[in-house]
N, C-alpha and C. Protein backbone atom coordinates (compact mmCIF):
# COMPACT_ATOMS: atom_id res chain seq x y z
N MET A 1 44.92 57.26 5.49
CA MET A 1 44.63 56.18 4.59
C MET A 1 43.64 55.22 5.24
N ILE A 2 42.58 54.94 4.58
CA ILE A 2 41.62 53.93 5.07
C ILE A 2 41.89 52.64 4.30
N PHE A 3 41.84 51.53 4.99
CA PHE A 3 42.09 50.23 4.39
C PHE A 3 40.92 49.31 4.74
N PRO A 4 40.76 48.19 4.01
CA PRO A 4 39.56 47.36 4.17
C PRO A 4 39.23 46.91 5.60
N ALA A 5 40.23 46.53 6.38
CA ALA A 5 39.93 46.09 7.76
C ALA A 5 39.38 47.25 8.58
N TRP A 6 39.99 48.40 8.48
CA TRP A 6 39.53 49.58 9.23
C TRP A 6 38.14 49.98 8.76
N ASP A 7 37.92 49.93 7.46
CA ASP A 7 36.65 50.31 6.89
C ASP A 7 35.50 49.43 7.40
N SER A 8 35.78 48.17 7.68
CA SER A 8 34.73 47.26 8.12
C SER A 8 34.46 47.32 9.63
N LEU A 9 35.31 48.02 10.37
CA LEU A 9 35.18 48.09 11.83
C LEU A 9 33.83 48.67 12.26
N ASP A 10 33.43 49.76 11.62
CA ASP A 10 32.16 50.42 12.00
C ASP A 10 30.94 49.54 11.79
N ALA A 11 31.00 48.68 10.80
CA ALA A 11 29.84 47.83 10.50
C ALA A 11 29.82 46.54 11.32
N ASP A 12 30.89 46.24 12.03
CA ASP A 12 31.00 45.00 12.80
C ASP A 12 30.20 45.14 14.11
N ALA A 13 29.14 44.38 14.24
CA ALA A 13 28.24 44.48 15.41
C ALA A 13 28.93 44.08 16.71
N ARG A 14 30.02 43.32 16.65
CA ARG A 14 30.71 42.91 17.87
C ARG A 14 31.56 44.02 18.48
N VAL A 15 31.89 45.00 17.69
CA VAL A 15 32.80 46.06 18.12
C VAL A 15 32.09 47.03 19.07
N LYS A 16 32.67 47.18 20.23
CA LYS A 16 32.19 48.12 21.24
C LYS A 16 33.16 49.32 21.30
N MET A 17 32.84 50.31 22.09
CA MET A 17 33.68 51.51 22.18
C MET A 17 35.11 51.16 22.58
N ARG A 18 35.29 50.21 23.49
CA ARG A 18 36.64 49.86 23.93
C ARG A 18 37.46 49.27 22.79
N HIS A 19 36.81 48.51 21.88
CA HIS A 19 37.52 47.97 20.73
C HIS A 19 37.95 49.10 19.80
N ALA A 20 37.08 50.05 19.57
CA ALA A 20 37.39 51.18 18.70
C ALA A 20 38.54 52.01 19.27
N LYS A 21 38.56 52.22 20.58
CA LYS A 21 39.63 52.99 21.20
C LYS A 21 40.99 52.30 21.05
N ILE A 22 41.01 51.01 21.28
CA ILE A 22 42.28 50.29 21.17
C ILE A 22 42.69 50.14 19.72
N TYR A 23 41.75 49.94 18.82
CA TYR A 23 42.10 49.87 17.40
C TYR A 23 42.67 51.21 16.93
N ARG A 24 42.17 52.30 17.47
CA ARG A 24 42.73 53.62 17.13
C ARG A 24 44.20 53.67 17.56
N TRP A 25 44.51 53.20 18.76
CA TRP A 25 45.91 53.15 19.21
C TRP A 25 46.72 52.30 18.24
N CYS A 26 46.17 51.17 17.84
CA CYS A 26 46.88 50.28 16.93
C CYS A 26 47.18 50.98 15.60
N ARG A 27 46.18 51.69 15.07
CA ARG A 27 46.39 52.40 13.79
C ARG A 27 47.48 53.45 13.91
N LEU A 28 47.61 54.06 15.07
CA LEU A 28 48.62 55.10 15.27
C LEU A 28 50.03 54.54 15.50
N HIS A 29 50.13 53.32 16.04
CA HIS A 29 51.42 52.78 16.44
C HIS A 29 51.89 51.55 15.67
N LEU A 30 50.99 50.90 14.97
CA LEU A 30 51.36 49.68 14.21
C LEU A 30 51.24 49.94 12.73
N ASP A 31 51.82 49.04 11.93
CA ASP A 31 51.61 49.10 10.50
C ASP A 31 51.43 47.68 9.97
N PHE A 32 51.47 47.51 8.64
CA PHE A 32 51.21 46.21 8.04
C PHE A 32 52.47 45.35 7.90
N VAL A 33 53.64 45.94 8.07
CA VAL A 33 54.89 45.24 7.76
C VAL A 33 55.72 44.96 8.99
N GLN A 34 56.06 45.99 9.75
CA GLN A 34 56.94 45.82 10.89
C GLN A 34 56.22 45.21 12.08
N VAL A 35 56.79 44.15 12.61
CA VAL A 35 56.24 43.52 13.81
C VAL A 35 56.61 44.40 15.00
N ARG A 36 55.58 44.86 15.73
CA ARG A 36 55.83 45.75 16.86
C ARG A 36 55.06 45.28 18.09
N TYR A 37 55.50 45.73 19.24
CA TYR A 37 54.81 45.42 20.47
C TYR A 37 54.37 46.71 21.13
N GLY A 38 53.46 46.59 22.04
CA GLY A 38 53.04 47.73 22.83
C GLY A 38 52.82 47.29 24.25
N LYS A 39 53.17 48.13 25.17
CA LYS A 39 52.97 47.81 26.57
C LYS A 39 51.50 47.99 26.92
N ARG A 40 50.95 46.98 27.56
CA ARG A 40 49.54 46.99 27.93
C ARG A 40 49.20 48.24 28.75
N GLU A 41 50.08 48.61 29.65
CA GLU A 41 49.83 49.78 30.49
C GLU A 41 49.82 51.07 29.67
N ALA A 42 50.69 51.17 28.65
CA ALA A 42 50.72 52.36 27.81
C ALA A 42 49.44 52.47 27.00
N ILE A 43 48.94 51.33 26.49
CA ILE A 43 47.69 51.33 25.73
C ILE A 43 46.54 51.70 26.66
N ALA A 44 46.55 51.18 27.87
CA ALA A 44 45.50 51.49 28.84
C ALA A 44 45.49 52.99 29.16
N THR A 45 46.66 53.58 29.33
CA THR A 45 46.75 55.00 29.61
C THR A 45 46.22 55.82 28.45
N PHE A 46 46.59 55.44 27.22
CA PHE A 46 46.14 56.17 26.02
C PHE A 46 44.62 56.10 25.87
N THR A 47 44.05 54.94 26.14
CA THR A 47 42.63 54.73 25.89
C THR A 47 41.75 55.03 27.10
N GLY A 48 42.33 55.09 28.28
CA GLY A 48 41.54 55.29 29.49
C GLY A 48 40.87 54.01 29.98
N LEU A 49 41.32 52.87 29.50
CA LEU A 49 40.76 51.58 29.89
C LEU A 49 41.67 50.89 30.91
N HIS A 50 41.15 49.88 31.58
CA HIS A 50 41.94 49.08 32.49
C HIS A 50 42.83 48.13 31.69
N ALA A 51 43.98 47.79 32.25
CA ALA A 51 44.94 46.92 31.57
C ALA A 51 44.32 45.56 31.24
N ALA A 52 43.49 45.01 32.11
CA ALA A 52 42.84 43.73 31.83
C ALA A 52 41.92 43.83 30.62
N ASP A 53 41.24 44.98 30.46
CA ASP A 53 40.39 45.17 29.29
C ASP A 53 41.22 45.22 28.01
N VAL A 54 42.40 45.82 28.10
CA VAL A 54 43.28 45.90 26.94
C VAL A 54 43.62 44.49 26.45
N THR A 55 43.97 43.62 27.37
CA THR A 55 44.30 42.23 27.01
C THR A 55 43.13 41.55 26.31
N ARG A 56 41.93 41.69 26.86
CA ARG A 56 40.75 41.06 26.26
C ARG A 56 40.44 41.63 24.87
N VAL A 57 40.54 42.94 24.74
CA VAL A 57 40.23 43.58 23.46
C VAL A 57 41.25 43.20 22.39
N LEU A 58 42.52 43.19 22.74
CA LEU A 58 43.53 42.75 21.77
C LEU A 58 43.25 41.33 21.30
N ARG A 59 42.88 40.47 22.23
CA ARG A 59 42.53 39.08 21.88
C ARG A 59 41.35 39.05 20.91
N ASP A 60 40.34 39.88 21.16
CA ASP A 60 39.18 39.98 20.27
C ASP A 60 39.59 40.45 18.87
N LEU A 61 40.39 41.51 18.83
CA LEU A 61 40.79 42.07 17.54
C LEU A 61 41.59 41.07 16.71
N VAL A 62 42.39 40.26 17.37
CA VAL A 62 43.12 39.19 16.66
C VAL A 62 42.13 38.16 16.15
N ALA A 63 41.24 37.69 17.01
CA ALA A 63 40.28 36.65 16.64
C ALA A 63 39.35 37.11 15.51
N TRP A 64 39.03 38.40 15.47
CA TRP A 64 38.11 38.93 14.46
C TRP A 64 38.81 39.36 13.18
N GLY A 65 40.14 39.23 13.13
CA GLY A 65 40.87 39.51 11.89
C GLY A 65 41.31 40.94 11.68
N TYR A 66 41.35 41.76 12.74
CA TYR A 66 41.80 43.14 12.60
C TYR A 66 43.29 43.29 12.89
N LEU A 67 43.85 42.38 13.71
CA LEU A 67 45.26 42.37 14.04
C LEU A 67 45.83 40.98 13.80
N HIS A 68 47.11 40.94 13.47
CA HIS A 68 47.82 39.66 13.35
C HIS A 68 48.82 39.59 14.51
N GLU A 69 48.69 38.55 15.32
CA GLU A 69 49.61 38.38 16.46
C GLU A 69 50.77 37.51 16.04
N HIS A 70 51.97 37.95 16.40
CA HIS A 70 53.20 37.22 16.10
C HIS A 70 53.71 36.58 17.39
N GLY A 71 54.73 35.75 17.27
CA GLY A 71 55.29 35.11 18.44
C GLY A 71 55.78 36.13 19.45
N ARG A 72 55.78 35.75 20.70
CA ARG A 72 56.21 36.67 21.76
C ARG A 72 57.73 36.85 21.72
N ASP A 73 58.18 37.99 22.22
CA ASP A 73 59.62 38.24 22.28
C ASP A 73 60.19 37.58 23.53
N ALA A 74 61.49 37.77 23.77
CA ALA A 74 62.15 37.14 24.91
C ALA A 74 61.53 37.54 26.24
N GLY A 75 60.98 38.74 26.31
CA GLY A 75 60.34 39.21 27.53
C GLY A 75 58.87 38.84 27.60
N GLU A 76 58.42 37.98 26.70
CA GLU A 76 57.04 37.51 26.64
C GLU A 76 56.02 38.58 26.25
N ALA A 77 56.47 39.67 25.64
CA ALA A 77 55.55 40.72 25.18
C ALA A 77 54.85 40.25 23.90
N LYS A 78 53.56 40.52 23.81
CA LYS A 78 52.83 40.20 22.58
C LYS A 78 53.23 41.19 21.50
N ARG A 79 53.31 40.70 20.26
CA ARG A 79 53.72 41.52 19.13
C ARG A 79 52.69 41.40 18.02
N PHE A 80 52.45 42.51 17.32
CA PHE A 80 51.37 42.59 16.34
C PHE A 80 51.77 43.33 15.08
N THR A 81 50.99 43.08 14.02
CA THR A 81 50.91 43.95 12.85
C THR A 81 49.43 44.14 12.58
N LEU A 82 49.11 45.23 11.90
CA LEU A 82 47.74 45.45 11.45
C LEU A 82 47.44 44.48 10.31
N CYS A 83 46.23 44.05 10.19
CA CYS A 83 45.79 43.29 9.01
C CYS A 83 45.23 44.31 8.02
N TYR A 84 45.70 44.23 6.79
CA TYR A 84 45.21 45.16 5.78
C TYR A 84 43.73 44.90 5.49
N SER A 85 43.43 43.60 5.38
CA SER A 85 42.03 43.22 5.20
C SER A 85 41.72 42.11 6.19
N ARG A 86 40.49 41.99 6.59
CA ARG A 86 40.12 41.00 7.59
C ARG A 86 40.29 39.60 7.04
N GLY A 87 40.76 38.72 7.90
CA GLY A 87 40.98 37.34 7.52
C GLY A 87 42.38 37.10 7.02
N GLU A 88 43.21 38.15 6.96
CA GLU A 88 44.59 38.00 6.52
C GLU A 88 45.34 37.18 7.56
N GLU A 89 45.92 36.08 7.12
CA GLU A 89 46.56 35.17 8.06
C GLU A 89 48.03 35.50 8.30
N THR A 90 48.71 36.03 7.31
CA THR A 90 50.12 36.31 7.46
C THR A 90 50.42 37.74 7.07
N PRO A 91 51.51 38.31 7.61
CA PRO A 91 51.88 39.66 7.24
C PRO A 91 52.41 39.69 5.82
N PRO A 92 52.49 40.84 5.17
CA PRO A 92 53.04 40.91 3.83
C PRO A 92 54.47 40.38 3.80
N SER A 93 54.88 39.84 2.66
CA SER A 93 56.24 39.29 2.57
C SER A 93 57.27 40.40 2.71
N GLY A 94 58.46 40.02 3.12
CA GLY A 94 59.52 40.99 3.30
C GLY A 94 59.43 41.75 4.61
N SER A 95 58.67 41.24 5.57
CA SER A 95 58.53 41.92 6.84
C SER A 95 59.83 41.90 7.63
N PRO A 96 60.27 43.05 8.15
CA PRO A 96 61.42 43.03 9.03
C PRO A 96 61.09 42.18 10.26
N PRO A 97 62.08 41.56 10.87
CA PRO A 97 61.79 40.64 11.97
C PRO A 97 61.15 41.27 13.20
N GLU A 98 61.63 42.41 13.66
CA GLU A 98 61.11 42.95 14.91
C GLU A 98 61.36 44.44 14.98
N ALA A 99 60.54 45.11 15.73
CA ALA A 99 60.79 46.53 16.05
C ALA A 99 59.99 46.86 17.30
N GLY A 100 60.50 47.75 18.09
CA GLY A 100 59.77 48.20 19.28
C GLY A 100 58.89 49.37 18.88
N VAL A 101 58.01 49.73 19.74
CA VAL A 101 57.14 50.87 19.50
C VAL A 101 57.24 51.81 20.69
N ALA A 102 57.38 53.07 20.38
CA ALA A 102 57.43 54.05 21.47
C ALA A 102 56.03 54.21 22.05
N ALA A 103 55.94 54.18 23.33
CA ALA A 103 54.63 54.29 23.97
C ALA A 103 54.37 55.68 24.46
């Protein structure tokens, strides 16, 4: 399924290969409803990037409207949902509170 945020990724001049790799991981492990987290090291292993790059790219994807960041969990892990369309400020209503993601 292609959705508006994903569809606009290719046309976004700010997006580099590292952004596309991490967004691919996000599409495979996140959705629009359930708040999930991912371990930075697991994302780095999947994408072949350094963990510090993962942190910067996730920050970019949030700022550019591709991901929605939720409050951190008790272990201070960042948690996300995909944005269906860019600029979406909140997740769809009826979102379950939390879920982990297998890495």
